[in-house]
PDB file of N, CA and C in Angstrom:
ATOM      1  N   MET A   1      -6.614  -6.549  16.332  1.00  0.00           N
ATOM      2  CA  MET A   1      -5.448  -7.108  15.702  1.00  0.00           C
ATOM      3  C   MET A   1      -4.452  -6.030  15.311  1.00  0.00           C
ATOM      4  N   LEU A   2      -4.872  -4.791  15.195  1.00  0.00           N
ATOM      5  CA  LEU A   2      -3.976  -3.699  14.835  1.00  0.00           C
ATOM      6  C   LEU A   2      -3.678  -2.826  16.040  1.00  0.00           C
ATOM      7  N   PHE A   3      -2.535  -2.207  16.028  1.00  0.00           N
ATOM      8  CA  PHE A   3      -2.164  -1.236  17.042  1.00  0.00           C
ATOM      9  C   PHE A   3      -1.803   0.057  16.340  1.00  0.00           C
ATOM     10  N   GLY A   4      -2.740   1.014  16.292  1.00  0.00           N
ATOM     11  CA  GLY A   4      -2.491   2.296  15.634  1.00  0.00           C
ATOM     12  C   GLY A   4      -2.368   2.129  14.133  1.00  0.00           C
ATOM     13  N   ILE A   5      -1.720   3.103  13.493  1.00  0.00           N
ATOM     14  CA  ILE A   5      -1.543   3.068  12.045  1.00  0.00           C
ATOM     15  C   ILE A   5      -0.585   1.943  11.667  1.00  0.00           C
ATOM     16  N   PHE A   6       0.498   1.824  12.414  1.00  0.00           N
ATOM     17  CA  PHE A   6       1.443   0.740  12.170  1.00  0.00           C
ATOM     18  C   PHE A   6       1.314  -0.206  13.349  1.00  0.00           C
ATOM     19  N   GLY A   7       0.992  -1.445  13.100  1.00  0.00           N
ATOM     20  CA  GLY A   7       0.852  -2.378  14.208  1.00  0.00           C
ATOM     21  C   GLY A   7       1.469  -3.702  13.855  1.00  0.00           C
ATOM     22  N   THR A   8       1.837  -4.438  14.870  1.00  0.00           N
ATOM     23  CA  THR A   8       2.338  -5.778  14.611  1.00  0.00           C
ATOM     24  C   THR A   8       1.185  -6.747  14.773  1.00  0.00           C
ATOM     25  N   LEU A   9       1.143  -7.741  13.954  1.00  0.00           N
ATOM     26  CA  LEU A   9       0.126  -8.769  14.061  1.00  0.00           C
ATOM     27  C   LEU A   9       0.470  -9.683  15.220  1.00  0.00           C
ATOM     28  N   LEU A  10      -0.532 -10.410  15.689  1.00  0.00           N
ATOM     29  CA  LEU A  10      -0.299 -11.320  16.801  1.00  0.00           C
ATOM     30  C   LEU A  10       0.668 -12.436  16.428  1.00  0.00           C
ATOM     31  N   SER A  11       0.778 -12.750  15.157  1.00  0.00           N
ATOM     32  CA  SER A  11       1.711 -13.773  14.684  1.00  0.00           C
ATOM     33  C   SER A  11       2.786 -13.118  13.824  1.00  0.00           C
ATOM     34  N   PRO A  12       3.806 -12.503  14.442  1.00  0.00           N
ATOM     35  CA  PRO A  12       4.804 -11.777  13.660  1.00  0.00           C
ATOM     36  C   PRO A  12       5.585 -12.650  12.692  1.00  0.00           C
ATOM     37  N   ASN A  13       5.613 -13.963  12.896  1.00  0.00           N
ATOM     38  CA  ASN A  13       6.336 -14.815  11.953  1.00  0.00           C
ATOM     39  C   ASN A  13       5.600 -14.940  10.621  1.00  0.00           C
ATOM     40  N   VAL A  14       4.313 -14.623  10.582  1.00  0.00           N
ATOM     41  CA  VAL A  14       3.562 -14.658   9.335  1.00  0.00           C
ATOM     42  C   VAL A  14       3.766 -13.357   8.575  1.00  0.00           C
ATOM     43  N   MET A  15       3.502 -12.249   9.238  1.00  0.00           N
ATOM     44  CA  MET A  15       3.686 -10.935   8.632  1.00  0.00           C
ATOM     45  C   MET A  15       4.094  -9.965   9.729  1.00  0.00           C
ATOM     46  N   ASP A  16       5.082  -9.150   9.469  1.00  0.00           N
ATOM     47  CA  ASP A  16       5.585  -8.239  10.481  1.00  0.00           C
ATOM     48  C   ASP A  16       4.636  -7.092  10.781  1.00  0.00           C
ATOM     49  N   LYS A  17       4.124  -6.440   9.751  1.00  0.00           N
ATOM     50  CA  LYS A  17       3.347  -5.220   9.956  1.00  0.00           C
ATOM     51  C   LYS A  17       2.194  -5.134   8.982  1.00  0.00           C
ATOM     52  N   ILE A  18       1.227  -4.343   9.392  1.00  0.00           N
ATOM     53  CA  ILE A  18       0.143  -3.997   8.487  1.00  0.00           C
ATOM     54  C   ILE A  18       0.007  -2.482   8.522  1.00  0.00           C
ATOM     55  N   ILE A  19      -0.118  -1.890   7.359  1.00  0.00           N
ATOM     56  CA  ILE A  19      -0.316  -0.447   7.250  1.00  0.00           C
ATOM     57  C   ILE A  19      -1.755  -0.236   6.813  1.00  0.00           C
ATOM     58  N   GLU A  20      -2.482   0.583   7.537  1.00  0.00           N
ATOM     59  CA  GLU A  20      -3.806   1.023   7.106  1.00  0.00           C
ATOM     60  C   GLU A  20      -3.672   2.483   6.735  1.00  0.00           C
ATOM     61  N   TYR A  21      -4.003   2.818   5.520  1.00  0.00           N
ATOM     62  CA  TYR A  21      -3.793   4.175   5.014  1.00  0.00           C
ATOM     63  C   TYR A  21      -5.082   4.680   4.385  1.00  0.00           C
ATOM     64  N   THR A  22      -5.441   5.925   4.704  1.00  0.00           N
ATOM     65  CA  THR A  22      -6.599   6.573   4.096  1.00  0.00           C
ATOM     66  C   THR A  22      -6.101   7.498   3.002  1.00  0.00           C
ATOM     67  N   PRO A  23      -6.293   7.118   1.743  1.00  0.00           N
ATOM     68  CA  PRO A  23      -5.802   7.933   0.630  1.00  0.00           C
ATOM     69  C   PRO A  23      -6.594   9.229   0.484  1.00  0.00           C
ATOM     70  N   GLU A  24      -5.965  10.211  -0.135  1.00  0.00           N
ATOM     71  CA  GLU A  24      -6.599  11.508  -0.373  1.00  0.00           C
ATOM     72  C   GLU A  24      -6.592  11.808  -1.866  1.00  0.00           C
ATOM     73  N   GLY A  25      -7.717  12.325  -2.364  1.00  0.00           N
ATOM     74  CA  GLY A  25      -7.794  12.782  -3.745  1.00  0.00           C
ATOM     75  C   GLY A  25      -7.968  11.693  -4.789  1.00  0.00           C
ATOM     76  N   VAL A  26      -8.305  10.475  -4.352  1.00  0.00           N
ATOM     77  CA  VAL A  26      -8.497   9.364  -5.286  1.00  0.00           C
ATOM     78  C   VAL A  26      -9.791   8.622  -4.951  1.00  0.00           C
ATOM     79  N   CYS A  27     -10.160   7.692  -5.807  1.00  0.00           N
ATOM     80  CA  CYS A  27     -11.408   6.938  -5.618  1.00  0.00           C
ATOM     81  C   CYS A  27     -11.324   5.922  -4.479  1.00  0.00           C
ATOM     82  N   SER A  28     -10.157   5.352  -4.242  1.00  0.00           N
ATOM     83  CA  SER A  28     -10.008   4.376  -3.159  1.00  0.00           C
ATOM     84  C   SER A  28     -10.226   5.056  -1.814  1.00  0.00           C
ATOM     85  N   ARG A  29     -10.899   4.339  -0.914  1.00  0.00           N
ATOM     86  CA  ARG A  29     -11.185   4.891   0.409  1.00  0.00           C
ATOM     87  C   ARG A  29     -10.202   4.407   1.470  1.00  0.00           C
ATOM     88  N   ARG A  30      -9.587   3.257   1.234  1.00  0.00           N
ATOM     89  CA  ARG A  30      -8.638   2.712   2.200  1.00  0.00           C
ATOM     90  C   ARG A  30      -7.673   1.785   1.474  1.00  0.00           C
ATOM     91  N   ILE A  31      -6.437   1.787   1.948  1.00  0.00           N
ATOM     92  CA  ILE A  31      -5.424   0.862   1.430  1.00  0.00           C
ATOM     93  C   ILE A  31      -4.826   0.140   2.630  1.00  0.00           C
ATOM     94  N   GLU A  32      -4.735  -1.178   2.543  1.00  0.00           N
ATOM     95  CA  GLU A  32      -4.061  -1.969   3.568  1.00  0.00           C
ATOM     96  C   GLU A  32      -2.884  -2.680   2.915  1.00  0.00           C
ATOM     97  N   VAL A  33      -1.744  -2.610   3.586  1.00  0.00           N
ATOM     98  CA  VAL A  33      -0.538  -3.263   3.071  1.00  0.00           C
ATOM     99  C   VAL A  33       0.025  -4.148   4.174  1.00  0.00           C
ATOM    100  N   TYR A  34       0.249  -5.407   3.847  1.00  0.00           N
ATOM    101  CA  TYR A  34       0.862  -6.344   4.776  1.00  0.00           C
ATOM    102  C   TYR A  34       2.326  -6.479   4.375  1.00  0.00           C
ATOM    103  N   VAL A  35       3.209  -6.266   5.348  1.00  0.00           N
ATOM    104  CA  VAL A  35       4.643  -6.214   5.083  1.00  0.00           C
ATOM    105  C   VAL A  35       5.355  -7.261   5.930  1.00  0.00           C
ATOM    106  N   ASP A  36       6.303  -7.937   5.322  1.00  0.00           N
ATOM    107  CA  ASP A  36       7.144  -8.908   6.004  1.00  0.00           C
ATOM    108  C   ASP A  36       8.585  -8.468   5.795  1.00  0.00           C
ATOM    109  N   GLY A  37       9.164  -7.870   6.809  1.00  0.00           N
ATOM    110  CA  GLY A  37      10.510  -7.320   6.666  1.00  0.00           C
ATOM    111  C   GLY A  37      10.497  -6.181   5.670  1.00  0.00           C
ATOM    112  N   SER A  38      11.252  -6.316   4.588  1.00  0.00           N
ATOM    113  CA  SER A  38      11.306  -5.259   3.573  1.00  0.00           C
ATOM    114  C   SER A  38      10.485  -5.616   2.332  1.00  0.00           C
ATOM    115  N   ARG A  39       9.674  -6.661   2.431  1.00  0.00           N
ATOM    116  CA  ARG A  39       8.869  -7.110   1.284  1.00  0.00           C
ATOM    117  C   ARG A  39       7.373  -6.937   1.532  1.00  0.00           C
ATOM    118  N   ILE A  40       6.675  -6.657   0.445  1.00  0.00           N
ATOM    119  CA  ILE A  40       5.221  -6.539   0.484  1.00  0.00           C
ATOM    120  C   ILE A  40       4.642  -7.942   0.324  1.00  0.00           C
ATOM    121  N   ARG A  41       3.776  -8.326   1.227  1.00  0.00           N
ATOM    122  CA  ARG A  41       3.146  -9.645   1.151  1.00  0.00           C
ATOM    123  C   ARG A  41       1.750  -9.583   0.557  1.00  0.00           C
ATOM    124  N   LYS A  42       1.010  -8.516   0.849  1.00  0.00           N
ATOM    125  CA  LYS A  42      -0.360  -8.414   0.349  1.00  0.00           C
ATOM    126  C   LYS A  42      -0.778  -6.955   0.360  1.00  0.00           C
ATOM    127  N   VAL A  43      -1.564  -6.558  -0.639  1.00  0.00           N
ATOM    128  CA  VAL A  43      -2.132  -5.214  -0.709  1.00  0.00           C
ATOM    129  C   VAL A  43      -3.617  -5.371  -0.981  1.00  0.00           C
ATOM    130  N   SER A  44      -4.429  -4.588  -0.273  1.00  0.00           N
ATOM    131  CA  SER A  44      -5.857  -4.581  -0.589  1.00  0.00           C
ATOM    132  C   SER A  44      -6.366  -3.146  -0.572  1.00  0.00           C
ATOM    133  N   PHE A  45      -7.256  -2.860  -1.495  1.00  0.00           N
ATOM    134  CA  PHE A  45      -7.862  -1.543  -1.637  1.00  0.00           C
ATOM    135  C   PHE A  45      -9.351  -1.655  -1.345  1.00  0.00           C
ATOM    136  N   ALA A  46      -9.915  -0.647  -0.693  1.00  0.00           N
ATOM    137  CA  ALA A  46     -11.367  -0.512  -0.570  1.00  0.00           C
ATOM    138  C   ALA A  46     -11.757   0.636  -1.482  1.00  0.00           C
ATOM    139  N   GLY A  47     -12.591   0.355  -2.461  1.00  0.00           N
ATOM    140  CA  GLY A  47     -12.973   1.377  -3.430  1.00  0.00           C
ATOM    141  C   GLY A  47     -11.976   1.440  -4.570  1.00  0.00           C
ATOM    142  N   GLY A  48     -12.229   2.346  -5.477  1.00  0.00           N
ATOM    143  CA  GLY A  48     -11.369   2.482  -6.647  1.00  0.00           C
ATOM    144  C   GLY A  48     -11.793   1.534  -7.754  1.00  0.00           C
ATOM    145  N   CYS A  49     -11.040   1.511  -8.822  1.00  0.00           N
ATOM    146  CA  CYS A  49     -11.319   0.635  -9.968  1.00  0.00           C
ATOM    147  C   CYS A  49     -10.869  -0.776  -9.603  1.00  0.00           C
ATOM    148  N   HIS A  50     -11.817  -1.649  -9.361  1.00  0.00           N
ATOM    149  CA  HIS A  50     -11.526  -2.967  -8.803  1.00  0.00           C
ATOM    150  C   HIS A  50     -10.490  -3.754  -9.615  1.00  0.00           C
ATOM    151  N   GLY A  51     -10.653  -3.794 -10.910  1.00  0.00           N
ATOM    152  CA  GLY A  51      -9.701  -4.535 -11.739  1.00  0.00           C
ATOM    153  C   GLY A  51      -8.297  -3.968 -11.656  1.00  0.00           C
ATOM    154  N   ASN A  52      -8.182  -2.655 -11.704  1.00  0.00           N
ATOM    155  CA  ASN A  52      -6.862  -2.020 -11.634  1.00  0.00           C
ATOM    156  C   ASN A  52      -6.212  -2.223 -10.273  1.00  0.00           C
ATOM    157  N   THR A  53      -6.979  -2.056  -9.200  1.00  0.00           N
ATOM    158  CA  THR A  53      -6.386  -2.212  -7.871  1.00  0.00           C
ATOM    159  C   THR A  53      -6.004  -3.669  -7.619  1.00  0.00           C
ATOM    160  N   GLN A  54      -6.781  -4.619  -8.151  1.00  0.00           N
ATOM    161  CA  GLN A  54      -6.403  -6.033  -8.045  1.00  0.00           C
ATOM    162  C   GLN A  54      -5.103  -6.299  -8.800  1.00  0.00           C
ATOM    163  N   GLY A  55      -4.967  -5.693  -9.967  1.00  0.00           N
ATOM    164  CA  GLY A  55      -3.747  -5.854 -10.752  1.00  0.00           C
ATOM    165  C   GLY A  55      -2.533  -5.292 -10.041  1.00  0.00           C
ATOM    166  N   ILE A  56      -2.679  -4.099  -9.477  1.00  0.00           N
ATOM    167  CA  ILE A  56      -1.586  -3.487  -8.715  1.00  0.00           C
ATOM    168  C   ILE A  56      -1.189  -4.405  -7.568  1.00  0.00           C
ATOM    169  N   ALA A  57      -2.186  -4.885  -6.823  1.00  0.00           N
ATOM    170  CA  ALA A  57      -1.921  -5.748  -5.674  1.00  0.00           C
ATOM    171  C   ALA A  57      -1.170  -7.015  -6.092  1.00  0.00           C
ATOM    172  N   ALA A  58      -1.594  -7.636  -7.185  1.00  0.00           N
ATOM    173  CA  ALA A  58      -0.943  -8.868  -7.644  1.00  0.00           C
ATOM    174  C   ALA A  58       0.501  -8.615  -8.069  1.00  0.00           C
ATOM    175  N   LEU A  59       0.748  -7.507  -8.734  1.00  0.00           N
ATOM    176  CA  LEU A  59       2.103  -7.193  -9.198  1.00  0.00           C
ATOM    177  C   LEU A  59       3.058  -6.873  -8.053  1.00  0.00           C
ATOM    178  N   LEU A  60       2.536  -6.335  -6.955  1.00  0.00           N
ATOM    179  CA  LEU A  60       3.396  -5.923  -5.851  1.00  0.00           C
ATOM    180  C   LEU A  60       3.734  -7.048  -4.879  1.00  0.00           C
ATOM    181  N   GLU A  61       3.000  -8.141  -4.908  1.00  0.00           N
ATOM    182  CA  GLU A  61       3.264  -9.243  -3.985  1.00  0.00           C
ATOM    183  C   GLU A  61       4.701  -9.716  -4.103  1.00  0.00           C
ATOM    184  N   GLY A  62       5.407  -9.720  -2.980  1.00  0.00           N
ATOM    185  CA  GLY A  62       6.792 -10.167  -2.942  1.00  0.00           C
ATOM    186  C   GLY A  62       7.816  -9.109  -3.309  1.00  0.00           C
ATOM    187  N   MET A  63       7.366  -7.943  -3.757  1.00  0.00           N
ATOM    188  CA  MET A  63       8.284  -6.879  -4.173  1.00  0.00           C
ATOM    189  C   MET A  63       8.881  -6.163  -2.953  1.00  0.00           C
ATOM    190  N   GLU A  64      10.126  -5.743  -3.097  1.00  0.00           N
ATOM    191  CA  GLU A  64      10.769  -4.924  -2.071  1.00  0.00           C
ATOM    192  C   GLU A  64      10.023  -3.592  -1.951  1.00  0.00           C
ATOM    193  N   ILE A  65       9.882  -3.099  -0.740  1.00  0.00           N
ATOM    194  CA  ILE A  65       9.148  -1.857  -0.485  1.00  0.00           C
ATOM    195  C   ILE A  65       9.750  -0.691  -1.265  1.00  0.00           C
ATOM    196  N   GLU A  66      11.061  -0.543  -1.226  1.00  0.00           N
ATOM    197  CA  GLU A  66      11.706   0.586  -1.911  1.00  0.00           C
ATOM    198  C   GLU A  66      11.496   0.530  -3.423  1.00  0.00           C
ATOM    199  N   GLU A  67      11.488  -0.665  -3.981  1.00  0.00           N
ATOM    200  CA  GLU A  67      11.248  -0.822  -5.419  1.00  0.00           C
ATOM    201  C   GLU A  67       9.815  -0.419  -5.763  1.00  0.00           C
ATOM    202  N   ALA A  68       8.870  -0.808  -4.921  1.00  0.00           N
ATOM    203  CA  ALA A  68       7.470  -0.429  -5.149  1.00  0.00           C
ATOM    204  C   ALA A  68       7.310   1.088  -5.091  1.00  0.00           C
ATOM    205  N   ILE A  69       7.938   1.726  -4.120  1.00  0.00           N
ATOM    206  CA  ILE A  69       7.869   3.188  -4.009  1.00  0.00           C
ATOM    207  C   ILE A  69       8.430   3.816  -5.276  1.00  0.00           C
ATOM    208  N   ARG A  70       9.589   3.333  -5.716  1.00  0.00           N
ATOM    209  CA  ARG A  70      10.236   3.877  -6.912  1.00  0.00           C
ATOM    210  C   ARG A  70       9.322   3.778  -8.133  1.00  0.00           C
ATOM    211  N   ARG A  71       8.628   2.674  -8.278  1.00  0.00           N
ATOM    212  CA  ARG A  71       7.787   2.462  -9.451  1.00  0.00           C
ATOM    213  C   ARG A  71       6.457   3.217  -9.395  1.00  0.00           C
ATOM    214  N   LEU A  72       5.905   3.407  -8.208  1.00  0.00           N
ATOM    215  CA  LEU A  72       4.551   3.958  -8.074  1.00  0.00           C
ATOM    216  C   LEU A  72       4.497   5.458  -7.810  1.00  0.00           C
ATOM    217  N   GLU A  73       5.538   5.979  -7.174  1.00  0.00           N
ATOM    218  CA  GLU A  73       5.537   7.389  -6.771  1.00  0.00           C
ATOM    219  C   GLU A  73       5.406   8.313  -7.979  1.00  0.00           C
ATOM    220  N   GLY A  74       4.490   9.264  -7.884  1.00  0.00           N
ATOM    221  CA  GLY A  74       4.345  10.279  -8.914  1.00  0.00           C
ATOM    222  C   GLY A  74       3.382   9.934 -10.037  1.00  0.00           C
ATOM    223  N   ILE A  75       2.811   8.727 -10.029  1.00  0.00           N
ATOM    224  CA  ILE A  75       1.823   8.384 -11.059  1.00  0.00           C
ATOM    225  C   ILE A  75       0.590   9.258 -10.856  1.00  0.00           C
ATOM    226  N   ASP A  76       0.105   9.835 -11.952  1.00  0.00           N
ATOM    227  CA  ASP A  76      -1.022  10.768 -11.899  1.00  0.00           C
ATOM    228  C   ASP A  76      -2.257  10.137 -12.544  1.00  0.00           C
ATOM    229  N   CYS A  77      -3.419  10.437 -11.997  1.00  0.00           N
ATOM    230  CA  CYS A  77      -4.689   9.964 -12.552  1.00  0.00           C
ATOM    231  C   CYS A  77      -5.554  11.163 -12.919  1.00  0.00           C
ATOM    232  N   LYS A  78      -5.770  11.342 -14.191  1.00  0.00           N
ATOM    233  CA  LYS A  78      -6.680  12.373 -14.699  1.00  0.00           C
ATOM    234  C   LYS A  78      -6.349  13.785 -14.206  1.00  0.00           C
ATOM    235  N   GLY A  79      -5.070  14.109 -14.098  1.00  0.00           N
ATOM    236  CA  GLY A  79      -4.649  15.447 -13.702  1.00  0.00           C
ATOM    237  C   GLY A  79      -4.894  15.783 -12.243  1.00  0.00           C
ATOM    238  N   LYS A  80      -5.101  14.773 -11.400  1.00  0.00           N
ATOM    239  CA  LYS A  80      -5.364  14.999  -9.973  1.00  0.00           C
ATOM    240  C   LYS A  80      -4.088  15.303  -9.183  1.00  0.00           C
ATOM    241  N   GLY A  81      -2.945  15.032  -9.785  1.00  0.00           N
ATOM    242  CA  GLY A  81      -1.688  15.207  -9.061  1.00  0.00           C
ATOM    243  C   GLY A  81      -1.341  14.005  -8.200  1.00  0.00           C
ATOM    244  N   THR A  82      -2.170  12.997  -8.212  1.00  0.00           N
ATOM    245  CA  THR A  82      -1.943  11.763  -7.470  1.00  0.00           C
ATOM    246  C   THR A  82      -2.771  10.662  -8.124  1.00  0.00           C
ATOM    247  N   SER A  83      -2.690   9.470  -7.577  1.00  0.00           N
ATOM    248  CA  SER A  83      -3.430   8.311  -8.083  1.00  0.00           C
ATOM    249  C   SER A  83      -3.442   7.264  -6.979  1.00  0.00           C
ATOM    250  N   CYS A  84      -4.173   6.193  -7.185  1.00  0.00           N
ATOM    251  CA  CYS A  84      -4.148   5.106  -6.202  1.00  0.00           C
ATOM    252  C   CYS A  84      -2.730   4.537  -6.036  1.00  0.00           C
ATOM    253  N   PRO A  85      -1.980   4.294  -7.133  1.00  0.00           N
ATOM    254  CA  PRO A  85      -0.604   3.830  -6.961  1.00  0.00           C
ATOM    255  C   PRO A  85       0.280   4.845  -6.223  1.00  0.00           C
ATOM    256  N   ASP A  86       0.127   6.125  -6.520  1.00  0.00           N
ATOM    257  CA  ASP A  86       0.899   7.161  -5.837  1.00  0.00           C
ATOM    258  C   ASP A  86       0.548   7.200  -4.353  1.00  0.00           C
ATOM    259  N   GLN A  87      -0.721   7.065  -4.031  1.00  0.00           N
ATOM    260  CA  GLN A  87      -1.138   7.046  -2.631  1.00  0.00           C
ATOM    261  C   GLN A  87      -0.567   5.826  -1.911  1.00  0.00           C
ATOM    262  N   LEU A  88      -0.492   4.699  -2.603  1.00  0.00           N
ATOM    263  CA  LEU A  88       0.130   3.508  -2.029  1.00  0.00           C
ATOM    264  C   LEU A  88       1.608   3.761  -1.755  1.00  0.00           C
ATOM    265  N   ALA A  89       2.295   4.427  -2.671  1.00  0.00           N
ATOM    266  CA  ALA A  89       3.707   4.772  -2.459  1.00  0.00           C
ATOM    267  C   ALA A  89       3.856   5.664  -1.231  1.00  0.00           C
ATOM    268  N   ARG A  90       2.938   6.603  -1.037  1.00  0.00           N
ATOM    269  CA  ARG A  90       2.983   7.475   0.145  1.00  0.00           C
ATOM    270  C   ARG A  90       2.799   6.667   1.426  1.00  0.00           C
ATOM    271  N   ALA A  91       1.901   5.698   1.389  1.00  0.00           N
ATOM    272  CA  ALA A  91       1.701   4.832   2.554  1.00  0.00           C
ATOM    273  C   ALA A  91       2.973   4.044   2.858  1.00  0.00           C
ATOM    274  N   LEU A  92       3.599   3.502   1.823  1.00  0.00           N
ATOM    275  CA  LEU A  92       4.830   2.731   2.012  1.00  0.00           C
ATOM    276  C   LEU A  92       5.975   3.609   2.505  1.00  0.00           C
ATOM    277  N   ARG A  93       6.024   4.840   2.041  1.00  0.00           N
ATOM    278  CA  ARG A  93       7.082   5.753   2.453  1.00  0.00           C
ATOM    279  C   ARG A  93       7.051   5.981   3.966  1.00  0.00           C
ATOM    280  N   GLN A  94       5.870   5.914   4.577  1.00  0.00           N
ATOM    281  CA  GLN A  94       5.762   6.098   6.025  1.00  0.00           C
ATOM    282  C   GLN A  94       6.605   5.081   6.787  1.00  0.00           C
ATOM    283  N   LEU A  95       6.821   3.925   6.199  1.00  0.00           N
ATOM    284  CA  LEU A  95       7.650   2.910   6.852  1.00  0.00           C
ATOM    285  C   LEU A  95       9.098   3.346   6.984  1.00  0.00           C
ATOM    286  N   SER A  96       9.578   4.125   6.036  1.00  0.00           N
ATOM    287  CA  SER A  96      10.991   4.515   6.047  1.00  0.00           C
ATOM    288  C   SER A  96      11.239   5.822   6.785  1.00  0.00           C
ATOM    289  N   GLU A  97      10.191   6.441   7.281  1.00  0.00           N
ATOM    290  CA  GLU A  97      10.360   7.719   8.012  1.00  0.00           C
ATOM    291  C   GLU A  97      10.523   7.491   9.489  1.00  0.00           C
TER     292      GLU A  97
END
């Protein structure tokens, strides 16, 4: 169903793209983001603090990608220099490059 890191789903009218991202320096092992145009439709995390990642995912549903990047970029977890939200912002930034 995926084609590379950025792939189109077989039903583009449902969701345009899915991003699979392997975060670095955080507890989450994988982040998947489903995007429809410039809006986030769904986010799922593998690993990490389940309650927190569920909360992040729920808050981002329907949000514009650029707004999500603005809000999440630079958030730090325990002095690591990054966090699960920051890693998600990095994944989203790949769309605009």
